[in-house]
């Protein structure tokens, strides 16, 4: 019997800018869970994703708009964006395109994670990640922990070496977040 990959639906929690590196990051949250996934992206991709989230139109089509129009004009639809792997701190994704003809064939295209996200938002398609990626790279934030309160740190359970290794990918993100802009997507 063949193993089937488990796909978990994600939602975009926010698009933020790290203070130290001044690099944008898109934060995804498990739709039916408490895990988060952070993906560093370029500023042009942050702008594209933010414009799509805000449903703002541009005077001329951006690349993702053009791609979506092409797919639609060829009787297809973007049915899903998948975060499929993580290698050496680089996320790999696929975009699933379904033909709308009688055969309903699905084509899977290799994509950068940021491109897949920008397309999924525009197409109102689900964003998913494999359970394997979530196990390796996601983080669960402790409930009701005030990171500025030294007393609250004592209530956090000790972190195992394995958990600590998983958390290192988020160190720059957490240390460099501009907390004054939380949830404000209007400035991108």
C-alpha atoms as a PDB file:
ATOM      1  CA  UNK A   1       0.000   0.000   0.000  1.00  0.00           C
ATOM      2  CA  UNK A   2       1.357   3.412  -1.009  1.00  0.00           C
ATOM      3  CA  UNK A   3       1.782   6.187   1.578  1.00  0.00           C
ATOM      4  CA  UNK A   4      -0.333   9.268   0.872  1.00  0.00           C
ATOM      5  CA  UNK A   5       0.991  12.670   1.868  1.00  0.00           C
ATOM      6  CA  UNK A   6      -1.183  14.578   4.326  1.00  0.00           C
ATOM      7  CA  UNK A   7      -1.922  18.172   3.277  1.00  0.00           C
ATOM      8  CA  UNK A   8      -2.878  20.751   5.884  1.00  0.00           C
ATOM      9  CA  UNK A   9      -4.673  23.938   4.897  1.00  0.00           C
ATOM     10  CA  UNK A  10      -2.991  27.203   5.871  1.00  0.00           C
ATOM     11  CA  UNK A  11      -4.148  30.798   5.951  1.00  0.00           C
ATOM     12  CA  UNK A  12      -2.002  33.889   5.653  1.00  0.00           C
ATOM     13  CA  UNK A  13      -1.713  35.319   9.146  1.00  0.00           C
ATOM     14  CA  UNK A  14       0.324  38.379   8.176  1.00  0.00           C
ATOM     15  CA  UNK A  15       3.020  39.891   6.018  1.00  0.00           C
ATOM     16  CA  UNK A  16       5.646  41.591   8.175  1.00  0.00           C
ATOM     17  CA  UNK A  17       9.066  43.187   7.921  1.00  0.00           C
ATOM     18  CA  UNK A  18      11.935  42.141  10.170  1.00  0.00           C
ATOM     19  CA  UNK A  19      13.629  45.124  11.831  1.00  0.00           C
ATOM     20  CA  UNK A  20      17.193  43.813  11.719  1.00  0.00           C
ATOM     21  CA  UNK A  21      17.321  42.520   8.175  1.00  0.00           C
ATOM     22  CA  UNK A  22      14.537  44.692   6.742  1.00  0.00           C
ATOM     23  CA  UNK A  23      13.344  41.594   4.895  1.00  0.00           C
ATOM     24  CA  UNK A  24       9.675  40.761   4.501  1.00  0.00           C
ATOM     25  CA  UNK A  25       8.280  37.521   5.835  1.00  0.00           C
ATOM     26  CA  UNK A  26       4.896  35.957   5.216  1.00  0.00           C
ATOM     27  CA  UNK A  27       3.506  34.154   8.254  1.00  0.00           C
ATOM     28  CA  UNK A  28       1.114  31.286   7.544  1.00  0.00           C
ATOM     29  CA  UNK A  29      -1.083  29.690  10.189  1.00  0.00           C
ATOM     30  CA  UNK A  30      -2.590  26.239  10.184  1.00  0.00           C
ATOM     31  CA  UNK A  31      -6.318  26.743   9.474  1.00  0.00           C
ATOM     32  CA  UNK A  32      -7.438  24.073  11.938  1.00  0.00           C
ATOM     33  CA  UNK A  33      -4.495  24.164  14.312  1.00  0.00           C
ATOM     34  CA  UNK A  34      -2.051  26.328  16.197  1.00  0.00           C
ATOM     35  CA  UNK A  35       1.141  25.941  14.180  1.00  0.00           C
ATOM     36  CA  UNK A  36       2.762  28.775  12.227  1.00  0.00           C
ATOM     37  CA  UNK A  37       5.101  28.710   9.250  1.00  0.00           C
ATOM     38  CA  UNK A  38       7.308  31.694   8.377  1.00  0.00           C
ATOM     39  CA  UNK A  39       8.614  32.149   4.844  1.00  0.00           C
ATOM     40  CA  UNK A  40      11.112  34.934   4.092  1.00  0.00           C
ATOM     41  CA  UNK A  41      10.300  36.604   0.770  1.00  0.00           C
ATOM     42  CA  UNK A  42      11.574  39.452  -1.373  1.00  0.00           C
ATOM     43  CA  UNK A  43      10.106  42.938  -1.120  1.00  0.00           C
ATOM     44  CA  UNK A  44       8.577  42.682  -4.605  1.00  0.00           C
ATOM     45  CA  UNK A  45       6.788  39.485  -3.581  1.00  0.00           C
ATOM     46  CA  UNK A  46       5.640  41.078  -0.322  1.00  0.00           C
ATOM     47  CA  UNK A  47       4.095  43.874  -2.369  1.00  0.00           C
ATOM     48  CA  UNK A  48       2.424  41.415  -4.748  1.00  0.00           C
ATOM     49  CA  UNK A  49       1.019  39.320  -1.897  1.00  0.00           C
ATOM     50  CA  UNK A  50      -0.125  42.380   0.059  1.00  0.00           C
ATOM     51  CA  UNK A  51      -1.869  43.895  -2.974  1.00  0.00           C
ATOM     52  CA  UNK A  52      -3.683  40.601  -3.529  1.00  0.00           C
ATOM     53  CA  UNK A  53      -4.681  40.305   0.145  1.00  0.00           C
ATOM     54  CA  UNK A  54      -6.077  43.833   0.054  1.00  0.00           C
ATOM     55  CA  UNK A  55      -7.746  43.114  -3.306  1.00  0.00           C
ATOM     56  CA  UNK A  56      -6.163  46.252  -4.756  1.00  0.00           C
ATOM     57  CA  UNK A  57      -6.000  46.585  -8.503  1.00  0.00           C
ATOM     58  CA  UNK A  58      -2.984  47.983 -10.281  1.00  0.00           C
ATOM     59  CA  UNK A  59      -3.143  50.157 -13.418  1.00  0.00           C
ATOM     60  CA  UNK A  60      -1.445  47.387 -15.413  1.00  0.00           C
ATOM     61  CA  UNK A  61      -1.447  43.646 -14.675  1.00  0.00           C
ATOM     62  CA  UNK A  62       1.335  42.377 -12.465  1.00  0.00           C
ATOM     63  CA  UNK A  63       3.048  39.099 -13.410  1.00  0.00           C
ATOM     64  CA  UNK A  64       0.809  37.020 -11.126  1.00  0.00           C
ATOM     65  CA  UNK A  65      -2.306  38.670 -12.555  1.00  0.00           C
ATOM     66  CA  UNK A  66      -1.068  37.923 -16.077  1.00  0.00           C
ATOM     67  CA  UNK A  67      -0.393  34.280 -15.211  1.00  0.00           C
ATOM     68  CA  UNK A  68      -3.837  33.888 -13.636  1.00  0.00           C
ATOM     69  CA  UNK A  69      -5.470  35.490 -16.710  1.00  0.00           C
ATOM     70  CA  UNK A  70      -3.558  33.109 -18.968  1.00  0.00           C
ATOM     71  CA  UNK A  71      -4.665  30.054 -16.998  1.00  0.00           C
ATOM     72  CA  UNK A  72      -8.271  31.274 -16.973  1.00  0.00           C
ATOM     73  CA  UNK A  73      -8.306  32.080 -20.697  1.00  0.00           C
ATOM     74  CA  UNK A  74      -7.057  28.546 -21.395  1.00  0.00           C
ATOM     75  CA  UNK A  75     -10.063  27.098 -19.525  1.00  0.00           C
ATOM     76  CA  UNK A  76      -8.158  26.280 -16.362  1.00  0.00           C
ATOM     77  CA  UNK A  77      -8.154  27.314 -12.743  1.00  0.00           C
ATOM     78  CA  UNK A  78      -5.569  27.393 -10.011  1.00  0.00           C
ATOM     79  CA  UNK A  79      -6.971  24.850  -7.595  1.00  0.00           C
ATOM     80  CA  UNK A  80      -4.290  24.807  -4.884  1.00  0.00           C
ATOM     81  CA  UNK A  81      -0.861  26.089  -3.844  1.00  0.00           C
ATOM     82  CA  UNK A  82       1.214  23.530  -1.959  1.00  0.00           C
ATOM     83  CA  UNK A  83       4.312  24.039   0.168  1.00  0.00           C
ATOM     84  CA  UNK A  84       5.905  20.682  -0.594  1.00  0.00           C
ATOM     85  CA  UNK A  85       9.413  20.736   0.849  1.00  0.00           C
ATOM     86  CA  UNK A  86      12.086  22.637   2.738  1.00  0.00           C
ATOM     87  CA  UNK A  87      15.744  22.187   1.827  1.00  0.00           C
ATOM     88  CA  UNK A  88      18.579  24.310   3.211  1.00  0.00           C
ATOM     89  CA  UNK A  89      16.140  26.993   4.422  1.00  0.00           C
ATOM     90  CA  UNK A  90      14.451  27.243   0.992  1.00  0.00           C
ATOM     91  CA  UNK A  91      10.770  26.344   0.651  1.00  0.00           C
ATOM     92  CA  UNK A  92       9.633  24.504  -2.469  1.00  0.00           C
ATOM     93  CA  UNK A  93       6.090  24.730  -3.748  1.00  0.00           C
ATOM     94  CA  UNK A  94       3.804  23.542  -6.508  1.00  0.00           C
ATOM     95  CA  UNK A  95       0.804  25.189  -8.077  1.00  0.00           C
ATOM     96  CA  UNK A  96      -1.994  22.828  -9.078  1.00  0.00           C
ATOM     97  CA  UNK A  97      -3.879  23.870 -12.186  1.00  0.00           C
ATOM     98  CA  UNK A  98      -7.093  22.070 -13.076  1.00  0.00           C
ATOM     99  CA  UNK A  99      -8.460  22.106 -16.605  1.00  0.00           C
ATOM    100  CA  UNK A 100     -12.145  22.900 -16.692  1.00  0.00           C
ATOM    101  CA  UNK A 101     -12.885  20.668 -19.676  1.00  0.00           C
ATOM    102  CA  UNK A 102     -14.572  17.286 -19.382  1.00  0.00           C
ATOM    103  CA  UNK A 103     -11.333  15.512 -18.406  1.00  0.00           C
ATOM    104  CA  UNK A 104     -10.646  17.780 -15.403  1.00  0.00           C
ATOM    105  CA  UNK A 105      -6.918  17.018 -15.701  1.00  0.00           C
ATOM    106  CA  UNK A 106      -4.702  18.463 -12.958  1.00  0.00           C
ATOM    107  CA  UNK A 107      -1.232  19.749 -13.804  1.00  0.00           C
ATOM    108  CA  UNK A 108       1.338  20.394 -11.077  1.00  0.00           C
ATOM    109  CA  UNK A 109       3.874  23.181 -11.718  1.00  0.00           C
ATOM    110  CA  UNK A 110       7.057  23.705  -9.710  1.00  0.00           C
ATOM    111  CA  UNK A 111       7.076  27.195  -8.162  1.00  0.00           C
ATOM    112  CA  UNK A 112       8.760  29.406  -5.630  1.00  0.00           C
ATOM    113  CA  UNK A 113       6.703  29.419  -2.442  1.00  0.00           C
ATOM    114  CA  UNK A 114       6.138  33.171  -2.700  1.00  0.00           C
ATOM    115  CA  UNK A 115       4.842  32.876  -6.289  1.00  0.00           C
ATOM    116  CA  UNK A 116       2.540  30.028  -5.294  1.00  0.00           C
ATOM    117  CA  UNK A 117       1.137  32.138  -2.435  1.00  0.00           C
ATOM    118  CA  UNK A 118       0.616  35.197  -4.659  1.00  0.00           C
ATOM    119  CA  UNK A 119      -1.253  33.085  -7.217  1.00  0.00           C
ATOM    120  CA  UNK A 120      -3.375  31.265  -4.650  1.00  0.00           C
ATOM    121  CA  UNK A 121      -4.519  34.514  -3.075  1.00  0.00           C
ATOM    122  CA  UNK A 122      -5.527  35.943  -6.451  1.00  0.00           C
ATOM    123  CA  UNK A 123      -7.321  32.733  -7.438  1.00  0.00           C
ATOM    124  CA  UNK A 124      -8.909  32.351  -3.984  1.00  0.00           C
ATOM    125  CA  UNK A 125      -7.440  28.845  -3.954  1.00  0.00           C
ATOM    126  CA  UNK A 126      -6.438  26.957  -0.820  1.00  0.00           C
ATOM    127  CA  UNK A 127      -2.862  27.064   0.432  1.00  0.00           C
ATOM    128  CA  UNK A 128      -1.597  23.815   1.900  1.00  0.00           C
ATOM    129  CA  UNK A 129       1.619  22.416   3.339  1.00  0.00           C
ATOM    130  CA  UNK A 130       2.668  18.838   3.758  1.00  0.00           C
ATOM    131  CA  UNK A 131       2.591  17.422   7.268  1.00  0.00           C
ATOM    132  CA  UNK A 132       6.311  16.713   6.847  1.00  0.00           C
ATOM    133  CA  UNK A 133       7.117  20.387   6.230  1.00  0.00           C
ATOM    134  CA  UNK A 134       4.941  21.429   9.151  1.00  0.00           C
ATOM    135  CA  UNK A 135       6.656  18.910  11.449  1.00  0.00           C
ATOM    136  CA  UNK A 136      10.117  20.162  10.447  1.00  0.00           C
ATOM    137  CA  UNK A 137       9.585  23.905  10.196  1.00  0.00           C
ATOM    138  CA  UNK A 138       6.466  25.085  12.011  1.00  0.00           C
ATOM    139  CA  UNK A 139       6.319  26.625  15.423  1.00  0.00           C
ATOM    140  CA  UNK A 140       3.551  26.678  18.022  1.00  0.00           C
ATOM    141  CA  UNK A 141       3.410  29.821  20.110  1.00  0.00           C
ATOM    142  CA  UNK A 142       2.688  29.312  23.805  1.00  0.00           C
ATOM    143  CA  UNK A 143      -0.689  30.748  24.803  1.00  0.00           C
ATOM    144  CA  UNK A 144      -0.731  33.927  26.880  1.00  0.00           C
ATOM    145  CA  UNK A 145       3.041  34.410  26.980  1.00  0.00           C
ATOM    146  CA  UNK A 146       4.175  38.033  27.180  1.00  0.00           C
ATOM    147  CA  UNK A 147       7.673  38.032  25.727  1.00  0.00           C
ATOM    148  CA  UNK A 148       8.447  41.320  27.503  1.00  0.00           C
ATOM    149  CA  UNK A 149       7.522  39.910  30.928  1.00  0.00           C
ATOM    150  CA  UNK A 150      10.400  38.038  32.604  1.00  0.00           C
ATOM    151  CA  UNK A 151       7.987  36.245  34.975  1.00  0.00           C
ATOM    152  CA  UNK A 152       6.054  34.636  32.108  1.00  0.00           C
ATOM    153  CA  UNK A 153       9.192  32.975  30.761  1.00  0.00           C
ATOM    154  CA  UNK A 154       9.330  30.799  33.861  1.00  0.00           C
ATOM    155  CA  UNK A 155       5.950  29.266  33.051  1.00  0.00           C
ATOM    156  CA  UNK A 156       7.093  27.947  29.676  1.00  0.00           C
ATOM    157  CA  UNK A 157       7.983  24.252  29.631  1.00  0.00           C
ATOM    158  CA  UNK A 158      11.646  23.461  28.931  1.00  0.00           C
ATOM    159  CA  UNK A 159      12.449  22.997  25.236  1.00  0.00           C
ATOM    160  CA  UNK A 160      14.090  19.773  24.088  1.00  0.00           C
ATOM    161  CA  UNK A 161      17.186  19.842  21.826  1.00  0.00           C
ATOM    162  CA  UNK A 162      15.042  18.647  18.913  1.00  0.00           C
ATOM    163  CA  UNK A 163      12.505  21.431  19.478  1.00  0.00           C
ATOM    164  CA  UNK A 164      15.298  23.976  19.835  1.00  0.00           C
ATOM    165  CA  UNK A 165      16.752  22.915  16.479  1.00  0.00           C
ATOM    166  CA  UNK A 166      13.354  23.468  14.862  1.00  0.00           C
ATOM    167  CA  UNK A 167      13.050  26.900  16.463  1.00  0.00           C
ATOM    168  CA  UNK A 168      16.367  28.243  15.148  1.00  0.00           C
ATOM    169  CA  UNK A 169      14.734  28.993  11.798  1.00  0.00           C
ATOM    170  CA  UNK A 170      12.461  31.467  13.612  1.00  0.00           C
ATOM    171  CA  UNK A 171      15.161  33.216  15.683  1.00  0.00           C
ATOM    172  CA  UNK A 172      15.793  35.982  13.119  1.00  0.00           C
ATOM    173  CA  UNK A 173      12.078  36.339  12.504  1.00  0.00           C
ATOM    174  CA  UNK A 174      11.155  36.801  16.165  1.00  0.00           C
ATOM    175  CA  UNK A 175      14.154  38.977  17.043  1.00  0.00           C
ATOM    176  CA  UNK A 176      13.684  41.200  14.014  1.00  0.00           C
ATOM    177  CA  UNK A 177       9.918  41.736  13.932  1.00  0.00           C
ATOM    178  CA  UNK A 178       8.624  45.268  13.858  1.00  0.00           C
ATOM    179  CA  UNK A 179       5.892  44.826  16.446  1.00  0.00           C
ATOM    180  CA  UNK A 180       4.549  48.320  15.806  1.00  0.00           C
ATOM    181  CA  UNK A 181       3.231  47.156  12.407  1.00  0.00           C
ATOM    182  CA  UNK A 182       1.476  43.936  13.448  1.00  0.00           C
ATOM    183  CA  UNK A 183      -1.437  43.247  11.178  1.00  0.00           C
ATOM    184  CA  UNK A 184      -0.996  46.484   9.218  1.00  0.00           C
ATOM    185  CA  UNK A 185      -0.754  45.515   5.561  1.00  0.00           C
ATOM    186  CA  UNK A 186      -1.424  48.991   4.199  1.00  0.00           C
ATOM    187  CA  UNK A 187       2.187  50.199   4.096  1.00  0.00           C
ATOM    188  CA  UNK A 188       3.561  47.641   1.632  1.00  0.00           C
END
